[in-house]
Protein backbone atom coordinates (compact mmCIF):
# COMPACT_ATOMS: atom_id res chain seq x y z
CA LEU A 1 7.81 -25.68 -25.13
CA TYR A 2 4.33 -24.60 -24.14
CA TYR A 3 3.44 -21.97 -21.55
CA ALA A 4 0.15 -20.55 -20.25
CA LEU A 5 -0.87 -17.21 -18.72
CA ASP A 6 -4.11 -15.31 -18.22
CA LEU A 7 -5.13 -11.79 -19.16
CA HIS A 8 -7.40 -9.53 -17.15
CA GLU A 9 -11.00 -10.12 -18.19
CA ASP A 10 -11.48 -6.80 -19.94
CA ALA A 11 -12.19 -6.64 -23.67
CA ALA A 12 -10.43 -3.30 -24.13
CA LEU A 13 -7.29 -4.51 -22.32
CA ILE A 14 -7.27 -7.74 -24.31
CA ALA A 15 -7.56 -5.78 -27.58
CA GLU A 16 -4.69 -3.53 -26.49
CA TYR A 17 -2.54 -6.55 -25.54
CA GLU A 18 -3.15 -8.04 -28.98
CA ARG A 19 -2.30 -4.71 -30.61
CA TRP A 20 1.07 -4.62 -28.80
CA HIS A 21 1.83 -8.04 -30.29
CA SER A 22 1.10 -7.02 -33.88
CA PRO A 23 4.09 -6.89 -36.27
CA GLU A 24 3.80 -3.10 -36.39
CA ALA A 25 3.84 -2.59 -32.60
CA ILE A 26 6.19 -5.21 -31.17
CA TRP A 27 9.45 -3.62 -30.09
CA PRO A 28 12.47 -4.67 -32.22
CA GLU A 29 14.52 -5.06 -29.03
CA ILE A 30 12.10 -7.73 -27.84
CA LEU A 31 12.41 -9.63 -31.11
CA ASP A 32 16.21 -9.37 -30.82
CA SER A 33 16.21 -10.69 -27.24
CA ILE A 34 14.03 -13.65 -28.25
CA ALA A 35 16.33 -14.58 -31.14
CA ALA A 36 19.49 -14.09 -29.06
CA ALA A 37 18.18 -16.62 -26.52
CA GLY A 38 17.99 -19.37 -29.14
CA ILE A 39 14.24 -19.20 -29.69
CA ARG A 40 13.65 -20.04 -33.37
CA ASP A 41 9.92 -19.43 -33.41
CA MET A 42 7.26 -18.30 -30.95
CA GLU A 43 3.49 -18.00 -31.14
CA ILE A 44 0.86 -16.81 -28.68
CA HIS A 45 -2.71 -18.08 -28.98
CA ARG A 46 -5.71 -16.82 -27.02
CA VAL A 47 -9.10 -18.18 -26.03
CA GLY A 48 -11.10 -15.87 -23.79
CA ASP A 49 -8.60 -14.50 -21.29
CA ARG A 50 -6.25 -17.55 -21.46
CA LEU A 51 -3.01 -17.38 -23.43
CA VAL A 52 -0.91 -20.30 -24.65
CA LEU A 53 2.61 -19.58 -25.85
CA THR A 54 4.54 -22.07 -27.98
CA MET A 55 8.26 -21.91 -28.61
CA GLU A 56 10.60 -23.78 -30.91
CA VAL A 57 14.06 -23.52 -29.38
CA ASP A 58 17.65 -24.49 -30.16
CA GLU A 59 18.98 -27.59 -28.41
CA ASP A 60 21.10 -25.45 -26.09
CA TYR A 61 18.24 -23.10 -25.11
CA SER A 62 18.22 -22.34 -21.39
CA PRO A 63 15.20 -20.75 -19.70
CA GLU A 64 17.50 -19.74 -16.84
CA ALA A 65 19.92 -17.97 -19.20
CA LYS A 66 17.00 -16.24 -20.94
CA ALA A 67 15.64 -15.07 -17.57
CA ALA A 68 19.07 -13.74 -16.54
CA ALA A 69 19.51 -11.91 -19.85
CA ASP A 70 16.01 -10.45 -19.57
CA ALA A 71 16.66 -9.26 -16.02
CA ALA A 72 19.76 -7.39 -17.23
CA ASP A 73 18.08 -5.80 -20.27
CA PRO A 74 16.26 -2.52 -19.55
CA ASN A 75 14.25 -2.80 -22.78
CA VAL A 76 12.94 -6.24 -21.84
CA GLN A 77 12.18 -5.01 -18.33
CA ALA A 78 10.22 -2.07 -19.73
CA TRP A 79 8.30 -4.43 -22.03
CA GLU A 80 7.56 -6.82 -19.15
CA THR A 81 6.32 -3.94 -17.00
CA LEU A 82 4.01 -2.84 -19.82
CA MET A 83 2.76 -6.40 -20.43
CA SER A 84 2.13 -6.93 -16.71
CA SER A 85 -0.63 -4.34 -16.88
CA PHE A 86 -2.58 -6.76 -19.10
CA GLN A 87 -1.59 -10.08 -17.54
CA LYS A 88 -2.64 -11.90 -14.39
CA PRO A 89 -1.09 -15.06 -12.97
CA LEU A 90 -2.71 -18.43 -13.38
CA PRO A 91 -4.37 -19.84 -10.27
CA GLY A 92 -1.75 -21.55 -8.12
CA SER A 93 1.14 -19.43 -9.45
CA ALA A 94 3.99 -18.50 -7.15
CA PRO A 95 4.38 -14.81 -6.31
CA GLY A 96 5.86 -13.03 -9.32
CA GLU A 97 5.40 -16.05 -11.61
CA LYS A 98 3.97 -15.17 -15.00
CA TRP A 99 4.16 -17.63 -17.90
CA ARG A 100 3.88 -21.19 -16.53
CA LEU A 101 5.38 -24.16 -18.30
CA MET A 102 2.73 -26.62 -19.44
CA THR A 103 3.12 -30.40 -19.30
CA ARG A 104 2.36 -32.30 -22.48
CA ILE A 105 0.00 -35.16 -21.72
CA PHE A 106 -0.67 -36.49 -25.23
CA SER A 107 1.17 -36.82 -28.53
CA LEU A 108 -0.61 -38.26 -31.56
CA SER A 109 2.64 -39.13 -33.33
CA GLU A 110 4.07 -40.92 -30.28
CA SER A 111 0.82 -42.76 -29.72
CA ARG A 112 0.77 -43.93 -33.33
CA LYS A 113 4.39 -45.16 -33.07
CA ALA A 114 3.50 -47.18 -29.97
CA LYS A 115 0.75 -49.12 -31.80
């Protein structure tokens, strides 16, 4: 799964956002909530103020179940409140929408199989 989100265009805020995502600063409760949801691996990449998040998930992963679990977890809510100070929605986002699911438009391996 691939998601996108923007950061505020402020070098100091971007540096602080990256610091919060370092292995030394990320909250263990956040790592636990990610694993408990069936997310096997996750990466965030940045160019300028644009973020792209990739996730490898179990077959039974449910974004809805993850959202419900996050809403009920005060640690995740505190983390999300903190992260919201750095993040801004992508153009065209619904009110309150943060990470937006991206649509894959090309796959090299699938294209090669089709030839």
